[in-house]
Protein backbone atom coordinates (compact mmCIF):
# COMPACT_ATOMS: atom_id res chain seq x y z
CA MET A 1 135.58 -119.79 20.14
CA PHE A 2 138.29 -121.96 21.84
CA TYR A 3 139.28 -123.95 24.98
CA VAL A 4 142.32 -123.58 27.19
CA ASN A 5 142.59 -126.73 29.18
CA ASP A 6 139.30 -127.24 30.90
CA HIS A 7 138.01 -123.59 30.34
CA HIS A 8 135.83 -122.73 27.37
CA TYR A 9 136.07 -119.18 25.93
CA THR A 10 133.32 -117.78 23.82
CA ILE A 11 133.28 -115.23 21.16
CA LYS A 12 131.80 -112.81 23.74
CA ASP A 13 134.84 -113.41 25.89
CA VAL A 14 137.15 -112.46 23.06
CA GLN A 15 135.05 -109.39 22.20
CA GLU A 16 135.41 -108.34 25.91
CA GLN A 17 139.22 -108.65 25.66
CA PHE A 18 139.08 -106.54 22.51
CA ARG A 19 137.31 -103.77 24.37
CA LEU A 20 139.83 -104.08 27.12
CA PHE A 21 142.59 -103.76 24.42
CA ASP A 22 140.90 -100.66 23.19
CA GLN A 23 141.31 -98.89 26.49
CA ILE A 24 145.19 -99.58 26.56
CA PRO A 25 147.00 -96.93 24.29
CA TYR A 26 150.05 -99.17 23.72
CA ILE A 27 147.69 -101.92 22.32
CA ARG A 28 145.12 -99.71 20.62
CA ASP A 29 147.73 -97.88 18.76
CA CYS A 30 149.85 -100.96 18.10
CA LYS A 31 150.45 -100.12 14.47
CA ASN A 32 152.87 -97.52 15.78
CA HIS A 33 154.71 -100.09 17.76
CA ARG A 34 156.53 -103.29 17.32
CA LEU A 35 155.22 -105.59 20.03
CA ALA A 36 156.88 -108.49 21.81
CA VAL A 37 154.51 -110.60 23.92
CA CYS A 38 155.46 -113.02 26.67
CA LEU A 39 152.10 -113.75 28.47
CA THR A 40 151.42 -116.48 30.89
CA ASP A 41 147.73 -116.52 30.21
CA ALA A 42 147.18 -118.43 26.93
CA PHE A 43 143.64 -116.98 26.41
CA GLN A 44 144.92 -113.34 26.86
CA TRP A 45 147.75 -114.20 24.39
CA LEU A 46 145.49 -115.66 21.70
CA SER A 47 142.97 -112.83 22.08
CA LEU A 48 145.87 -110.30 21.86
CA LEU A 49 147.11 -112.08 18.72
CA LEU A 50 143.80 -111.99 17.17
CA TYR A 51 143.45 -108.21 17.88
CA ILE A 52 146.91 -107.39 16.60
CA ARG A 53 146.24 -109.29 13.35
CA GLU A 54 142.91 -107.45 12.89
CA LYS A 55 144.83 -104.15 13.34
CA GLY A 56 147.44 -105.25 10.85
CA ALA A 57 150.28 -104.76 13.31
CA SER A 58 153.41 -106.77 14.06
CA VAL A 59 154.02 -109.17 16.95
CA PHE A 60 156.75 -111.31 18.23
CA PRO A 61 155.46 -114.15 20.52
CA ILE A 62 157.89 -115.32 23.29
CA HIS A 63 157.43 -118.61 25.15
CA PRO A 64 155.76 -117.85 28.56
CA SER A 65 158.41 -119.71 30.56
CA THR A 66 161.17 -117.33 29.36
CA PRO A 67 162.58 -115.30 32.27
CA LYS A 68 162.39 -111.44 32.31
CA ASP A 69 166.06 -110.84 31.24
CA GLY A 70 165.78 -113.51 28.48
CA ALA A 71 162.53 -112.08 27.26
CA ILE A 72 164.04 -108.69 27.07
CA ARG A 73 167.13 -109.93 25.20
CA LEU A 74 165.02 -111.74 22.62
CA ALA A 75 162.69 -108.71 22.13
CA GLU A 76 165.70 -106.34 21.59
CA LYS A 77 167.29 -108.72 19.20
CA ALA A 78 164.07 -108.94 17.19
CA GLY A 79 163.81 -105.11 17.06
CA ARG A 80 160.71 -104.81 19.13
CA ASP A 81 160.15 -101.53 21.08
CA LEU A 82 157.62 -102.86 23.55
CA LEU A 83 157.52 -105.96 25.58
CA PHE A 84 154.40 -107.27 27.53
CA PHE A 85 155.97 -109.52 30.14
CA GLN A 86 153.69 -112.07 31.95
CA THR A 87 150.73 -109.62 32.26
CA LEU A 88 149.40 -106.72 30.23
CA ASP A 89 150.23 -104.52 33.24
CA THR A 90 153.99 -105.09 32.76
CA VAL A 91 154.95 -103.12 29.72
CA ILE A 92 158.80 -102.69 29.14
CA ASP A 93 159.61 -99.79 26.78
CA LEU A 94 162.85 -100.90 25.02
CA SER A 95 163.26 -97.88 22.66
CA SER A 96 162.08 -94.37 22.22
CA VAL A 97 161.97 -94.99 18.44
CA ARG A 98 158.62 -95.85 16.96
CA TYR A 99 158.64 -97.97 13.81
CA GLU A 100 156.39 -98.17 10.85
CA ALA A 101 156.48 -101.77 9.88
CA ALA A 102 154.50 -104.13 7.72
CA GLY A 103 152.21 -106.16 9.89
CA GLY A 104 153.12 -109.74 10.47
CA LEU A 105 154.33 -112.49 12.75
CA ILE A 106 157.89 -112.66 13.90
CA GLN A 107 159.44 -116.01 14.76
CA MET A 108 162.79 -117.45 15.75
CA SER A 109 164.33 -120.29 13.80
CA SER A 110 165.04 -123.39 15.72
CA GLY A 111 168.83 -122.83 16.08
CA THR A 112 169.64 -126.49 15.47
CA THR A 113 172.45 -125.69 13.10
CA GLY A 114 173.65 -122.33 14.50
CA SER A 115 172.44 -119.27 16.20
CA PRO A 116 168.55 -118.72 15.89
CA LYS A 117 167.55 -116.12 13.24
CA ILE A 118 164.69 -113.74 13.29
CA ILE A 119 162.02 -114.49 10.68
CA GLU A 120 159.29 -112.09 9.90
CA ARG A 121 156.27 -113.12 7.87
CA THR A 122 153.37 -110.80 6.62
CA TRP A 123 149.66 -111.60 7.68
CA ARG A 124 149.13 -111.99 3.87
CA SER A 125 151.50 -114.94 3.68
CA ILE A 126 150.04 -116.64 6.65
CA GLU A 127 146.53 -116.19 5.41
CA GLU A 128 147.70 -117.86 2.10
CA GLU A 129 149.22 -120.64 3.99
CA LEU A 130 146.02 -121.14 6.14
CA ASN A 131 143.72 -121.30 3.05
CA SER A 132 145.93 -123.90 1.41
CA TYR A 133 146.48 -125.72 4.68
CA VAL A 134 142.78 -126.07 5.40
CA ALA A 135 141.92 -127.13 1.90
CA SER A 136 144.42 -129.88 2.04
CA LEU A 137 144.10 -131.13 5.63
CA PRO A 138 142.55 -134.71 5.41
CA VAL A 139 140.15 -134.50 8.39
CA GLU A 140 136.36 -134.80 8.62
CA GLN A 141 134.14 -131.70 9.08
CA GLY A 142 133.88 -130.77 12.77
CA THR A 143 137.25 -132.40 13.88
CA SER A 144 138.63 -130.41 16.81
CA SER A 145 142.29 -129.62 16.86
CA ILE A 146 143.82 -130.47 20.26
CA VAL A 147 146.97 -128.34 20.49
CA ALA A 148 149.55 -129.95 22.89
CA CYS A 149 152.61 -127.91 21.79
CA PRO A 150 153.70 -124.29 22.33
CA ILE A 151 151.17 -121.68 20.78
CA THR A 152 154.10 -119.16 20.51
CA HIS A 153 155.57 -121.27 17.67
CA SER A 154 154.02 -121.54 14.17
CA TYR A 155 153.32 -125.21 14.28
CA GLY A 156 150.93 -124.93 17.40
CA LEU A 157 149.80 -121.27 16.70
CA ILE A 158 149.23 -121.38 12.91
CA SER A 159 148.70 -125.01 11.97
CA GLY A 160 147.06 -125.92 15.34
CA VAL A 161 144.99 -122.88 16.45
CA LEU A 162 144.47 -120.54 13.58
CA ALA A 163 143.73 -123.34 10.99
CA CYS A 164 141.11 -124.77 13.31
CA LEU A 165 139.42 -121.47 13.62
CA LYS A 166 139.56 -121.24 9.89
CA ARG A 167 137.72 -124.43 9.60
CA GLY A 168 135.04 -123.13 11.90
CA VAL A 169 135.88 -125.53 14.71
CA GLU A 170 136.91 -124.64 18.24
CA PRO A 171 140.53 -125.59 19.06
CA ILE A 172 141.50 -127.12 22.45
CA VAL A 173 144.75 -125.61 23.67
CA ILE A 174 146.54 -127.71 26.22
CA THR A 175 149.04 -125.97 28.52
CA ASN A 176 148.97 -128.83 31.03
CA LEU A 177 151.28 -131.37 29.38
CA ASN A 178 150.93 -133.88 31.86
CA PRO A 179 150.58 -137.00 29.64
CA LYS A 180 147.71 -138.52 31.76
CA TYR A 181 145.78 -135.22 31.53
CA VAL A 182 146.34 -135.05 27.73
CA ILE A 183 144.89 -138.63 27.41
CA LYS A 184 142.03 -137.42 29.44
CA LYS A 185 141.27 -134.59 26.97
CA LEU A 186 141.77 -136.96 24.02
CA GLN A 187 138.96 -139.23 25.46
CA GLN A 188 136.64 -136.24 26.12
CA HIS A 189 137.00 -135.13 22.39
CA LYS A 190 136.80 -138.27 20.57
CA LYS A 191 136.90 -136.60 17.11
CA HIS A 192 140.17 -134.87 17.11
CA ILE A 193 143.51 -134.14 15.44
CA LEU A 194 146.29 -133.91 18.06
CA TYR A 195 149.21 -131.50 17.39
CA ALA A 196 152.31 -132.51 19.43
CA ALA A 197 155.91 -133.10 19.25
CA PRO A 198 157.19 -136.69 18.63
CA PRO A 199 158.43 -137.19 22.21
CA LEU A 200 155.05 -136.53 23.63
CA LEU A 201 153.32 -138.68 21.03
CA HIS A 202 155.59 -141.58 21.88
CA THR A 203 154.90 -141.16 25.61
CA LEU A 204 151.12 -141.07 24.96
CA SER A 205 151.33 -144.28 22.94
CA ARG A 206 153.06 -146.07 25.73
CA LEU A 207 150.60 -145.01 28.33
CA MET A 208 147.42 -145.78 26.43
CA ARG A 209 145.48 -148.49 28.14
CA ASN A 210 143.45 -151.31 26.40
CA GLY A 211 140.75 -149.87 24.31
CA GLU A 212 142.12 -146.20 24.53
CA GLN A 213 143.01 -144.63 21.24
CA MET A 214 143.89 -141.48 19.49
CA ASP A 215 141.86 -140.30 16.49
CA CYS A 216 144.10 -138.34 14.13
CA VAL A 217 147.58 -137.38 15.18
CA MET A 218 149.89 -134.74 13.47
CA THR A 219 153.57 -134.71 13.95
CA SER A 220 156.16 -132.18 12.91
CA GLY A 221 159.48 -130.49 13.76
CA THR A 222 161.80 -133.43 13.80
CA VAL A 223 162.01 -136.95 12.22
CA MET A 224 160.90 -139.52 14.79
CA PRO A 225 162.57 -142.93 15.06
CA SER A 226 160.70 -145.68 13.09
CA ASN A 227 159.84 -147.74 16.27
CA TRP A 228 158.18 -144.50 17.77
CA LEU A 229 156.13 -144.20 14.59
CA ASN A 230 155.04 -147.82 14.85
CA SER A 231 154.02 -147.44 18.50
CA ILE A 232 151.94 -144.33 17.69
CA LYS A 233 150.28 -145.95 14.72
CA ALA A 234 149.30 -148.87 16.95
CA VAL A 235 147.06 -146.66 19.09
CA SER A 236 145.85 -144.06 16.42
CA GLN A 237 143.31 -144.13 13.67
CA LYS A 238 145.44 -142.08 11.51
CA VAL A 239 148.96 -140.56 11.75
CA PHE A 240 149.78 -137.46 9.67
CA GLN A 241 153.04 -135.52 9.23
CA GLN A 242 153.69 -132.06 8.00
CA TYR A 243 156.86 -130.28 6.94
CA GLY A 244 157.80 -126.55 6.87
CA CYS A 245 160.06 -123.94 7.93
CA SER A 246 160.01 -120.65 9.91
CA GLU A 247 160.41 -118.68 6.65
CA ALA A 248 157.40 -120.26 4.83
CA GLY A 249 155.33 -122.05 7.46
CA CYS A 250 153.78 -125.43 6.60
CA VAL A 251 154.40 -126.41 2.93
CA ALA A 252 153.62 -130.23 2.85
CA ILE A 253 151.15 -132.75 4.52
CA HIS A 254 151.44 -136.46 4.44
CA SER A 255 148.04 -138.15 5.10
CA GLU A 256 149.17 -141.77 5.16
CA LEU A 257 152.42 -141.83 7.06
CA LYS A 258 154.38 -145.08 6.54
CA HIS A 259 157.95 -143.92 7.14
CA PRO A 260 159.17 -141.06 9.28
CA SER A 261 161.17 -139.50 6.32
CA GLU A 262 157.97 -138.96 4.21
CA MET A 263 156.95 -135.40 4.58
CA GLY A 264 154.00 -135.51 2.26
CA ASN A 265 152.45 -133.76 -0.74
CA PRO A 266 153.37 -130.05 -1.29
CA LEU A 267 150.47 -127.66 -0.45
CA PRO A 268 148.91 -125.86 -3.46
CA HIS A 269 150.24 -122.45 -2.66
CA VAL A 270 153.88 -123.51 -2.96
CA LYS A 271 156.23 -125.21 -5.36
CA ILE A 272 158.92 -127.41 -3.89
CA GLU A 273 162.09 -128.40 -5.62
CA ALA A 274 164.40 -131.20 -4.39
CA GLY A 275 166.76 -133.82 -5.94
CA LYS A 276 166.00 -137.28 -7.11
CA GLU A 277 166.24 -140.62 -5.12
CA ASP A 278 169.56 -141.47 -6.75
CA ASN A 279 170.77 -137.87 -6.44
CA PRO A 280 169.26 -135.88 -3.50
CA GLY A 281 169.45 -132.24 -3.40
CA GLU A 282 168.56 -129.31 -1.18
CA ILE A 283 164.83 -128.74 -0.62
CA VAL A 284 163.89 -125.25 -2.08
CA ILE A 285 160.41 -123.76 -1.37
CA HIS A 286 158.87 -121.23 -3.71
CA THR A 287 156.19 -119.08 -2.56
CA TYR A 288 154.33 -116.11 -4.27
CA ASP A 289 157.05 -113.61 -3.21
CA LYS A 290 160.26 -115.53 -2.39
CA SER A 291 162.23 -118.62 -2.68
CA VAL A 292 163.50 -120.35 0.76
CA TYR A 293 166.57 -122.51 0.61
CA THR A 294 165.93 -124.71 3.61
CA ARG A 295 169.32 -126.37 4.07
CA ASP A 296 167.52 -129.61 4.11
CA MET A 297 168.55 -132.55 1.95
CA GLY A 298 165.83 -134.64 0.28
CA TYR A 299 164.14 -135.70 -2.90
CA ILE A 300 160.52 -136.14 -4.36
CA LYS A 301 159.29 -139.57 -5.16
CA GLU A 302 155.89 -140.04 -6.72
CA GLY A 303 154.87 -136.71 -5.65
CA ILE A 304 155.89 -137.12 -2.04
CA LEU A 305 158.70 -135.10 -0.50
CA ILE A 306 161.26 -137.15 1.34
CA PHE A 307 163.53 -135.74 3.99
CA LEU A 308 167.02 -137.14 4.49
CA SER A 309 168.88 -134.77 6.71
CA ARG A 310 169.90 -131.28 7.31
CA ILE A 311 172.72 -130.58 4.95
CA ASP A 312 174.92 -129.50 7.86
CA ASP A 313 174.10 -132.81 9.57
CA THR A 314 174.98 -135.05 6.51
CA ILE A 315 178.21 -136.93 7.09
CA ASN A 316 180.56 -137.34 4.20
CA VAL A 317 182.67 -140.47 4.66
CA ALA A 318 185.22 -140.70 1.87
CA GLY A 319 182.87 -139.27 -0.61
CA LEU A 320 179.82 -141.34 0.57
CA ASN A 321 176.95 -139.58 2.33
CA VAL A 322 175.64 -140.99 5.74
CA TYR A 323 172.18 -139.66 6.89
CA PRO A 324 172.09 -139.66 10.76
CA HIS A 325 168.44 -140.63 10.95
CA GLU A 326 169.19 -143.93 9.10
CA VAL A 327 171.79 -144.97 11.59
CA GLU A 328 169.70 -143.74 14.62
CA ASN A 329 166.85 -145.98 13.51
CA ILE A 330 169.12 -149.06 13.51
CA LEU A 331 170.52 -148.21 16.92
CA LEU A 332 167.06 -147.78 18.40
CA ASP A 333 166.03 -151.17 17.16
CA GLU A 334 168.60 -152.49 19.49
CA PRO A 335 166.25 -153.57 22.58
CA ARG A 336 168.50 -152.08 25.25
CA ILE A 337 168.91 -148.58 23.74
CA SER A 338 166.16 -146.05 24.53
CA GLU A 339 167.49 -143.08 22.85
CA ALA A 340 170.35 -142.52 20.20
CA VAL A 341 171.83 -139.58 18.14
CA VAL A 342 174.37 -139.70 15.47
CA TYR A 343 176.64 -136.82 14.32
CA LYS A 344 179.85 -136.12 12.66
CA MET A 345 183.43 -135.48 13.61
CA LYS A 346 186.41 -134.44 11.41
CA ASN A 347 188.64 -137.27 10.38
CA LYS A 348 192.19 -136.83 8.85
CA LEU A 349 191.93 -139.80 6.48
CA SER A 350 188.12 -140.02 5.56
CA GLY A 351 187.21 -136.20 5.93
CA GLU A 352 184.38 -137.04 8.42
CA ARG A 353 183.54 -139.94 10.82
CA VAL A 354 180.29 -141.10 12.25
CA CYS A 355 179.91 -140.86 15.92
CA ALA A 356 176.94 -141.98 18.11
CA GLN A 357 175.59 -141.25 21.58
CA TYR A 358 173.12 -143.53 23.15
CA VAL A 359 171.16 -144.00 26.35
CA SER A 360 170.86 -147.45 27.92
CA LYS A 361 170.10 -148.77 31.45
CA GLU A 362 172.79 -151.39 31.09
CA LYS A 363 176.33 -151.38 29.96
CA ILE A 364 176.67 -152.38 26.29
CA GLU A 365 180.01 -153.48 24.83
CA GLU A 366 181.18 -151.54 21.73
CA ALA A 367 181.77 -154.71 19.90
CA GLU A 368 178.21 -155.72 20.38
CA LEU A 369 177.00 -152.46 18.82
CA ARG A 370 179.33 -152.69 16.04
CA ASP A 371 178.18 -156.28 15.28
CA TRP A 372 174.47 -155.09 15.59
CA CYS A 373 175.00 -152.21 13.16
CA SER A 374 176.90 -154.42 10.60
CA ARG A 375 173.80 -156.57 10.18
CA PHE A 376 171.86 -153.60 8.77
CA LEU A 377 174.36 -150.87 7.69
CA ALA A 378 177.07 -150.45 5.04
CA PRO A 379 180.47 -150.20 6.52
CA HIS A 380 180.87 -146.47 5.93
CA GLN A 381 177.61 -145.95 7.89
CA ILE A 382 178.72 -147.78 11.13
CA PRO A 383 179.83 -145.35 13.82
CA LEU A 384 183.51 -145.40 14.52
CA GLU A 385 182.78 -144.13 18.08
CA PHE A 386 179.97 -145.03 20.53
CA LYS A 387 179.47 -143.08 23.60
CA GLN A 388 176.94 -144.18 26.31
CA VAL A 389 175.44 -141.25 28.23
CA GLU A 390 172.89 -140.85 30.98
CA GLU A 391 171.03 -138.22 28.87
CA ILE A 392 171.40 -136.73 25.40
CA GLY A 393 171.76 -132.92 25.52
CA LYS A 394 168.85 -130.84 23.86
CA LEU A 395 168.20 -127.25 23.08
CA GLN A 396 165.47 -125.37 24.97
CA ASN A 397 162.91 -126.11 22.37
CA GLY A 398 163.48 -129.81 22.83
CA LYS A 399 165.43 -130.46 19.66
CA ILE A 400 168.80 -131.92 19.30
CA SER A 401 171.74 -129.95 17.81
CA ARG A 402 174.10 -132.31 16.34
CA ASN A 403 176.67 -129.43 15.83
CA GLN A 404 176.53 -128.75 19.56
CA LEU A 405 177.18 -132.40 20.33
CA ALA A 406 180.20 -132.47 18.04
CA GLU A 407 181.57 -129.27 19.82
CA LEU A 408 181.10 -131.06 23.26
CA HIS A 409 182.58 -134.35 22.04
CA ILE A 410 185.31 -135.67 24.32
């Protein structure tokens, strides 16, 4: 059925869990409840998810590291009336009201451009995504999905676990994210597609010894720096990238990634609109029942969706657009810089100005950075302010909020 770290769980193990769930009224009668689930046991969580989906009920997964008060707050915000916290024995009743709701999966948006939103998707929409995803995924038959990212989020849960089960292959869920352990699992399962976030993929690429190699790698969630991609490609047979959003799931896959901004070909179950190369526009996703305005800026070139920036992150300098990732890639090519982020601040003269934070083990004079950037960037793209920091602040999900950095800018 699936693995969790070194433990193999069979279909009989899952069926035994189903029989256990049948004995628990809150779970057996889950169609009469809106469940929030924050379980530390990954096997129990996946079994419960499959049970809830089979029942056609509604579930809101919460990351297992979330403390009790935080989990209660999230569950209440999502309108859940029951919360399973850490174990099935700890059931927190949040409301005396019982809802009749269309079954589905509830997710939180990333919150990179504001407060996270509650997103609810039906099981039908997820099944449509899975059919389209599996038909488009460019891997050989029998390839295992190694999921080294949260299985409470759609990337790890739907694309990683459920899509692998849909292909008739046993997924390997990794909750021990020690890079050396992940490498060991990659070597044990030679024919694999690894689902992970760009920072972990980059770390793995730097730790690979001579002769060690990853098979297929999938990245998603945030655009990685170009030098990271080159490092990952050097130790991988194939590097893929997928693009999507909480409201629609995965909608595009790139099977021959050459540049981080290339999101890939739209999946057959959706239609994607965007601008043109000389006139980028908002990326809009059309599914069978809705249109999702992503607030992402991009365009389609030769059938490939190209992502430029979040609209809220795009910097308008005297009428000219600056896309943060383009500037960040140049800064990261400076050998002494290990991490960089570019964001906007208000400017009385030009409307907005380009600012940058960077991490370096040694002091770098601003004049040196300005000279470096002037070799590769147009004048309006060069940051007016550079700030060296020990660490760039991130959200709990590991992503960077440029809005938050601008608010904390001193």
